[in-house]
N, C-alpha and C. Protein backbone atom coordinates (compact mmCIF):
# COMPACT_ATOMS: atom_id res chain seq x y z
N UNK A 1 -45.37 -47.11 -3.12
CA UNK A 1 -45.14 -45.91 -2.30
C UNK A 1 -43.68 -45.51 -2.47
N UNK A 2 -43.46 -44.34 -2.97
CA UNK A 2 -42.11 -43.95 -3.37
C UNK A 2 -41.13 -43.76 -2.22
N UNK A 3 -41.59 -43.39 -1.02
CA UNK A 3 -40.66 -43.15 0.07
C UNK A 3 -40.54 -44.32 1.05
N UNK A 4 -41.19 -45.42 0.79
CA UNK A 4 -41.14 -46.60 1.65
C UNK A 4 -39.78 -47.28 1.52
N UNK A 5 -39.10 -47.50 2.63
CA UNK A 5 -37.76 -48.10 2.58
C UNK A 5 -37.77 -49.50 1.98
N UNK A 6 -38.79 -50.31 2.28
CA UNK A 6 -38.83 -51.66 1.72
C UNK A 6 -39.17 -51.64 0.24
N UNK A 7 -39.98 -50.69 -0.21
CA UNK A 7 -40.22 -50.54 -1.65
C UNK A 7 -38.92 -50.19 -2.35
N UNK A 8 -38.14 -49.29 -1.74
CA UNK A 8 -36.86 -48.90 -2.33
C UNK A 8 -35.90 -50.08 -2.37
N UNK A 9 -35.88 -50.91 -1.33
CA UNK A 9 -35.02 -52.11 -1.33
C UNK A 9 -35.46 -53.04 -2.44
N UNK A 10 -36.75 -53.28 -2.57
CA UNK A 10 -37.25 -54.20 -3.60
C UNK A 10 -36.95 -53.69 -5.00
N UNK A 11 -36.93 -52.37 -5.18
CA UNK A 11 -36.61 -51.79 -6.49
C UNK A 11 -35.11 -51.70 -6.74
N UNK A 12 -34.29 -52.03 -5.74
CA UNK A 12 -32.84 -51.97 -5.90
C UNK A 12 -32.26 -50.59 -5.68
N UNK A 13 -33.04 -49.66 -5.16
CA UNK A 13 -32.56 -48.31 -4.92
C UNK A 13 -31.74 -48.21 -3.63
N UNK A 14 -31.96 -49.14 -2.72
CA UNK A 14 -31.18 -49.25 -1.49
C UNK A 14 -30.57 -50.64 -1.49
N UNK A 15 -29.26 -50.73 -1.27
CA UNK A 15 -28.61 -52.05 -1.30
C UNK A 15 -29.13 -52.96 -0.18
N UNK A 16 -29.15 -54.24 -0.48
CA UNK A 16 -29.53 -55.25 0.51
C UNK A 16 -28.78 -56.53 0.19
N UNK A 17 -28.77 -57.41 1.15
CA UNK A 17 -28.19 -58.73 0.94
C UNK A 17 -29.34 -59.64 0.54
N UNK A 18 -29.56 -59.71 -0.78
CA UNK A 18 -30.71 -60.41 -1.34
C UNK A 18 -30.61 -61.92 -1.12
N UNK A 19 -31.73 -62.50 -0.75
CA UNK A 19 -31.88 -63.94 -0.60
C UNK A 19 -32.65 -64.51 -1.78
N UNK A 20 -33.65 -63.77 -2.27
CA UNK A 20 -34.55 -64.28 -3.31
C UNK A 20 -35.28 -63.10 -3.96
N UNK A 21 -35.61 -63.29 -5.23
CA UNK A 21 -36.45 -62.30 -5.92
C UNK A 21 -37.19 -62.96 -7.07
N UNK A 22 -38.46 -62.60 -7.20
CA UNK A 22 -39.22 -62.95 -8.39
C UNK A 22 -40.10 -61.73 -8.71
N UNK A 23 -41.07 -61.90 -9.56
CA UNK A 23 -41.91 -60.77 -9.98
C UNK A 23 -42.75 -60.19 -8.85
N UNK A 24 -43.07 -61.01 -7.83
CA UNK A 24 -43.98 -60.56 -6.77
C UNK A 24 -43.34 -60.40 -5.40
N UNK A 25 -42.25 -61.14 -5.15
CA UNK A 25 -41.67 -61.18 -3.81
C UNK A 25 -40.19 -60.84 -3.82
N UNK A 26 -39.72 -60.36 -2.70
CA UNK A 26 -38.31 -60.06 -2.51
C UNK A 26 -37.95 -60.52 -1.10
N UNK A 27 -36.82 -61.18 -0.95
CA UNK A 27 -36.35 -61.62 0.37
C UNK A 27 -34.93 -61.13 0.56
N UNK A 28 -34.64 -60.67 1.77
CA UNK A 28 -33.31 -60.13 2.06
C UNK A 28 -33.00 -60.29 3.54
N UNK A 29 -31.70 -60.30 3.85
CA UNK A 29 -31.26 -60.43 5.23
C UNK A 29 -31.56 -59.16 6.01
N UNK A 30 -31.99 -59.33 7.25
CA UNK A 30 -32.26 -58.21 8.15
C UNK A 30 -30.94 -57.53 8.51
N UNK A 31 -30.93 -56.20 8.54
CA UNK A 31 -29.68 -55.49 8.86
C UNK A 31 -29.39 -55.50 10.36
N UNK A 32 -30.36 -55.86 11.17
CA UNK A 32 -30.18 -55.99 12.62
C UNK A 32 -30.67 -57.36 13.07
N UNK A 33 -29.95 -58.41 12.70
CA UNK A 33 -30.44 -59.76 12.99
C UNK A 33 -30.52 -60.05 14.48
N UNK A 34 -31.53 -60.83 14.84
CA UNK A 34 -31.71 -61.25 16.23
C UNK A 34 -31.31 -62.71 16.43
N UNK A 35 -30.84 -63.34 15.35
CA UNK A 35 -30.43 -64.75 15.38
C UNK A 35 -29.39 -64.95 14.27
N UNK A 36 -28.71 -66.10 14.30
CA UNK A 36 -27.71 -66.36 13.26
C UNK A 36 -28.26 -66.25 11.83
N UNK A 37 -29.51 -66.65 11.63
CA UNK A 37 -30.17 -66.47 10.34
C UNK A 37 -31.42 -65.63 10.59
N UNK A 38 -31.51 -64.51 9.91
CA UNK A 38 -32.67 -63.63 10.07
C UNK A 38 -32.86 -62.89 8.75
N UNK A 39 -33.89 -63.29 8.03
CA UNK A 39 -34.20 -62.62 6.77
C UNK A 39 -35.68 -62.30 6.71
N UNK A 40 -36.05 -61.49 5.75
CA UNK A 40 -37.43 -61.08 5.58
C UNK A 40 -37.91 -61.37 4.18
N UNK A 41 -39.18 -61.68 4.08
CA UNK A 41 -39.86 -61.83 2.79
C UNK A 41 -40.89 -60.72 2.72
N UNK A 42 -40.85 -59.96 1.63
CA UNK A 42 -41.81 -58.87 1.43
C UNK A 42 -42.47 -59.01 0.06
N UNK A 43 -43.70 -58.56 -0.04
CA UNK A 43 -44.29 -58.44 -1.37
C UNK A 43 -43.76 -57.17 -2.03
N UNK A 44 -43.58 -57.20 -3.32
CA UNK A 44 -43.19 -55.98 -4.03
C UNK A 44 -44.34 -54.98 -4.06
N UNK A 45 -45.55 -55.48 -4.00
CA UNK A 45 -46.73 -54.64 -3.88
C UNK A 45 -46.70 -53.98 -2.51
N UNK A 46 -46.83 -52.67 -2.48
CA UNK A 46 -46.84 -52.00 -1.18
C UNK A 46 -48.17 -52.24 -0.48
N UNK A 47 -48.08 -52.83 0.69
CA UNK A 47 -49.22 -53.02 1.58
C UNK A 47 -48.68 -52.68 2.96
N UNK A 48 -49.28 -51.74 3.65
CA UNK A 48 -48.72 -51.25 4.90
C UNK A 48 -48.59 -52.34 5.96
N UNK A 49 -49.59 -53.21 6.09
CA UNK A 49 -49.51 -54.26 7.10
C UNK A 49 -50.45 -55.39 6.73
N UNK A 50 -50.37 -56.46 7.48
CA UNK A 50 -51.26 -57.59 7.27
C UNK A 50 -52.72 -57.19 7.47
N UNK A 51 -52.96 -56.18 8.29
CA UNK A 51 -54.32 -55.71 8.52
C UNK A 51 -54.95 -55.14 7.25
N UNK A 52 -54.14 -54.80 6.26
CA UNK A 52 -54.65 -54.26 5.00
C UNK A 52 -54.93 -55.33 3.96
N UNK A 53 -54.64 -56.58 4.28
CA UNK A 53 -54.86 -57.67 3.33
C UNK A 53 -56.35 -57.99 3.22
N UNK A 54 -56.74 -58.41 2.02
CA UNK A 54 -58.11 -58.87 1.81
C UNK A 54 -58.06 -60.10 0.90
N UNK A 55 -59.20 -60.58 0.50
CA UNK A 55 -59.27 -61.80 -0.32
C UNK A 55 -58.45 -61.70 -1.60
N UNK A 56 -58.31 -60.49 -2.14
CA UNK A 56 -57.54 -60.34 -3.38
C UNK A 56 -56.05 -60.61 -3.16
N UNK A 57 -55.59 -60.63 -1.93
CA UNK A 57 -54.18 -60.87 -1.61
C UNK A 57 -53.90 -62.32 -1.19
N UNK A 58 -54.91 -63.18 -1.21
CA UNK A 58 -54.76 -64.55 -0.71
C UNK A 58 -53.63 -65.31 -1.42
N UNK A 59 -53.56 -65.24 -2.72
CA UNK A 59 -52.52 -65.98 -3.45
C UNK A 59 -51.12 -65.44 -3.10
N UNK A 60 -50.99 -64.13 -3.00
CA UNK A 60 -49.71 -63.52 -2.67
C UNK A 60 -49.26 -63.93 -1.26
N UNK A 61 -50.18 -63.89 -0.29
CA UNK A 61 -49.84 -64.28 1.07
C UNK A 61 -49.49 -65.76 1.14
N UNK A 62 -50.22 -66.57 0.39
CA UNK A 62 -49.91 -68.00 0.34
C UNK A 62 -48.53 -68.24 -0.25
N UNK A 63 -48.19 -67.50 -1.28
CA UNK A 63 -46.87 -67.63 -1.91
C UNK A 63 -45.76 -67.28 -0.92
N UNK A 64 -45.99 -66.24 -0.10
CA UNK A 64 -45.00 -65.87 0.92
C UNK A 64 -44.80 -67.03 1.91
N UNK A 65 -45.89 -67.62 2.35
CA UNK A 65 -45.80 -68.69 3.34
C UNK A 65 -45.17 -69.97 2.77
N UNK A 66 -45.41 -70.24 1.50
CA UNK A 66 -44.80 -71.41 0.87
C UNK A 66 -43.31 -71.18 0.60
N UNK A 67 -42.94 -69.95 0.30
CA UNK A 67 -41.55 -69.63 0.03
C UNK A 67 -40.68 -69.69 1.29
N UNK A 68 -41.22 -69.27 2.42
CA UNK A 68 -40.43 -69.18 3.65
C UNK A 68 -39.67 -70.46 4.00
N UNK A 69 -40.31 -71.63 4.06
CA UNK A 69 -39.54 -72.83 4.43
C UNK A 69 -38.51 -73.24 3.38
N UNK A 70 -38.78 -72.95 2.13
CA UNK A 70 -37.80 -73.27 1.08
C UNK A 70 -36.52 -72.45 1.29
N UNK A 71 -36.70 -71.15 1.53
CA UNK A 71 -35.53 -70.29 1.74
C UNK A 71 -34.84 -70.64 3.06
N UNK A 72 -35.63 -70.93 4.09
CA UNK A 72 -35.05 -71.31 5.38
C UNK A 72 -34.16 -72.54 5.23
N UNK A 73 -34.62 -73.52 4.50
CA UNK A 73 -33.82 -74.73 4.28
C UNK A 73 -32.55 -74.41 3.50
N UNK A 74 -32.67 -73.59 2.47
CA UNK A 74 -31.49 -73.20 1.69
C UNK A 74 -30.45 -72.50 2.54
N UNK A 75 -30.90 -71.81 3.59
CA UNK A 75 -29.99 -71.09 4.47
C UNK A 75 -29.59 -71.91 5.69
N UNK A 76 -29.87 -73.21 5.65
CA UNK A 76 -29.37 -74.12 6.67
C UNK A 76 -30.25 -74.30 7.89
N UNK A 77 -31.47 -73.84 7.84
CA UNK A 77 -32.36 -73.97 9.01
C UNK A 77 -33.12 -75.29 8.95
N UNK A 78 -32.37 -76.38 9.05
CA UNK A 78 -32.96 -77.72 8.98
C UNK A 78 -33.64 -78.14 10.27
N UNK A 79 -33.32 -77.46 11.37
CA UNK A 79 -33.85 -77.84 12.68
C UNK A 79 -35.06 -77.00 13.09
N UNK A 80 -35.55 -76.16 12.20
CA UNK A 80 -36.70 -75.33 12.49
C UNK A 80 -36.38 -73.85 12.43
N UNK A 81 -37.42 -73.06 12.44
CA UNK A 81 -37.29 -71.61 12.35
C UNK A 81 -38.58 -70.99 12.84
N UNK A 82 -38.54 -69.69 13.06
CA UNK A 82 -39.72 -68.95 13.49
C UNK A 82 -40.10 -67.98 12.38
N UNK A 83 -41.40 -67.84 12.15
CA UNK A 83 -41.90 -66.81 11.24
C UNK A 83 -42.68 -65.80 12.08
N UNK A 84 -42.46 -64.54 11.80
CA UNK A 84 -43.12 -63.47 12.57
C UNK A 84 -43.61 -62.41 11.60
N UNK A 85 -44.87 -62.03 11.76
CA UNK A 85 -45.41 -60.89 11.04
C UNK A 85 -45.96 -59.94 12.10
N UNK A 86 -45.25 -58.86 12.35
CA UNK A 86 -45.72 -57.84 13.29
C UNK A 86 -46.74 -56.97 12.55
N UNK A 87 -47.88 -56.72 13.18
CA UNK A 87 -48.94 -55.98 12.52
C UNK A 87 -49.37 -54.79 13.36
N UNK A 88 -49.13 -53.60 12.81
CA UNK A 88 -49.51 -52.37 13.50
C UNK A 88 -48.56 -52.01 14.63
N UNK A 89 -48.66 -50.78 15.07
CA UNK A 89 -47.78 -50.31 16.15
C UNK A 89 -47.92 -51.17 17.40
N UNK A 90 -49.14 -51.52 17.75
CA UNK A 90 -49.38 -52.36 18.92
C UNK A 90 -48.82 -53.76 18.79
N UNK A 91 -48.60 -54.20 17.56
CA UNK A 91 -48.02 -55.51 17.31
C UNK A 91 -46.52 -55.46 17.11
N UNK A 92 -45.91 -54.30 17.31
CA UNK A 92 -44.46 -54.17 17.20
C UNK A 92 -43.95 -53.85 15.81
N UNK A 93 -44.84 -53.53 14.87
CA UNK A 93 -44.39 -53.21 13.51
C UNK A 93 -43.67 -51.88 13.50
N UNK A 94 -42.49 -51.86 12.89
CA UNK A 94 -41.69 -50.64 12.80
C UNK A 94 -41.63 -50.07 11.40
N UNK A 95 -41.60 -50.93 10.39
CA UNK A 95 -41.61 -50.48 8.99
C UNK A 95 -42.98 -50.84 8.43
N UNK A 96 -43.69 -49.84 7.94
CA UNK A 96 -45.06 -50.06 7.50
C UNK A 96 -45.14 -50.44 6.03
N UNK A 97 -44.59 -51.62 5.78
CA UNK A 97 -44.69 -52.38 4.53
C UNK A 97 -44.75 -53.82 5.00
N UNK A 98 -45.78 -54.55 4.63
CA UNK A 98 -45.93 -55.92 5.09
C UNK A 98 -44.61 -56.68 4.92
N UNK A 99 -44.17 -57.35 5.98
CA UNK A 99 -42.96 -58.16 5.89
C UNK A 99 -43.04 -59.30 6.89
N UNK A 100 -42.48 -60.42 6.49
CA UNK A 100 -42.44 -61.62 7.32
C UNK A 100 -40.99 -61.90 7.67
N UNK A 101 -40.70 -61.94 8.97
CA UNK A 101 -39.36 -62.30 9.44
C UNK A 101 -39.25 -63.81 9.50
N UNK A 102 -38.12 -64.35 9.06
CA UNK A 102 -37.80 -65.76 9.22
C UNK A 102 -36.52 -65.78 10.05
N UNK A 103 -36.60 -66.41 11.22
CA UNK A 103 -35.54 -66.35 12.21
C UNK A 103 -35.17 -67.76 12.65
N UNK A 104 -33.87 -68.05 12.71
CA UNK A 104 -33.46 -69.37 13.18
C UNK A 104 -31.97 -69.49 13.36
N UNK A 105 -31.56 -70.70 13.73
CA UNK A 105 -30.16 -70.98 14.01
C UNK A 105 -29.92 -70.84 15.50
N UNK A 106 -29.32 -71.84 16.10
CA UNK A 106 -29.12 -71.80 17.55
C UNK A 106 -30.45 -72.01 18.26
N UNK A 107 -30.48 -71.69 19.53
CA UNK A 107 -31.72 -71.83 20.31
C UNK A 107 -32.46 -70.50 20.34
N UNK A 108 -33.63 -70.48 19.78
CA UNK A 108 -34.45 -69.28 19.76
C UNK A 108 -35.35 -69.33 21.00
N UNK A 109 -35.31 -68.30 21.83
CA UNK A 109 -36.13 -68.32 23.06
C UNK A 109 -37.62 -68.25 22.73
N UNK A 110 -38.47 -68.63 23.67
CA UNK A 110 -39.91 -68.52 23.44
C UNK A 110 -40.29 -67.07 23.16
N UNK A 111 -41.33 -66.91 22.36
CA UNK A 111 -41.78 -65.55 22.04
C UNK A 111 -42.42 -64.88 23.24
N UNK A 112 -43.15 -65.64 24.02
CA UNK A 112 -43.86 -65.09 25.16
C UNK A 112 -43.45 -65.89 26.40
N UNK A 113 -43.02 -65.19 27.43
CA UNK A 113 -42.63 -65.88 28.67
C UNK A 113 -43.87 -66.47 29.32
N UNK A 114 -43.74 -67.72 29.72
CA UNK A 114 -44.85 -68.41 30.41
C UNK A 114 -44.55 -68.44 31.90
N UNK A 115 -45.56 -68.24 32.70
CA UNK A 115 -45.34 -68.26 34.15
C UNK A 115 -45.60 -69.64 34.75
C-alpha cells in the first residue's frame, strides 16, 4: 500500500531508528515510547491487522514471534518484556498495518487493572 506509513518506513522512504531488517520483516523503535525500550516488528507485506491473517500467513507470524525475544534480549530486556498486537479500532490499533509492540525496561504496569 503506497500511502501506508509503516510500508514507507519499511521501504526506507521515512527515516526510522532501525533495530532489524530482513526480506520479510522490519523492526524499529517507536517514536512515542511508553517504556525505556519500545520497538515494533512489522511484516514488509502490507496486512492491515491481525484480523486479516489467514493460514497462508502462519510462517510469517511465527517468524515475528520468534524474532521478538531475540531482539528484546539484544536490547537488554533480560528481565522480561511485553508483546502487544492491537487489532482494529476497538482494540486500540492506530496504524492499520499489522505491527507488534515489544515493550520493556523498568517496571511495566499491568495491562488491565484488577479489582
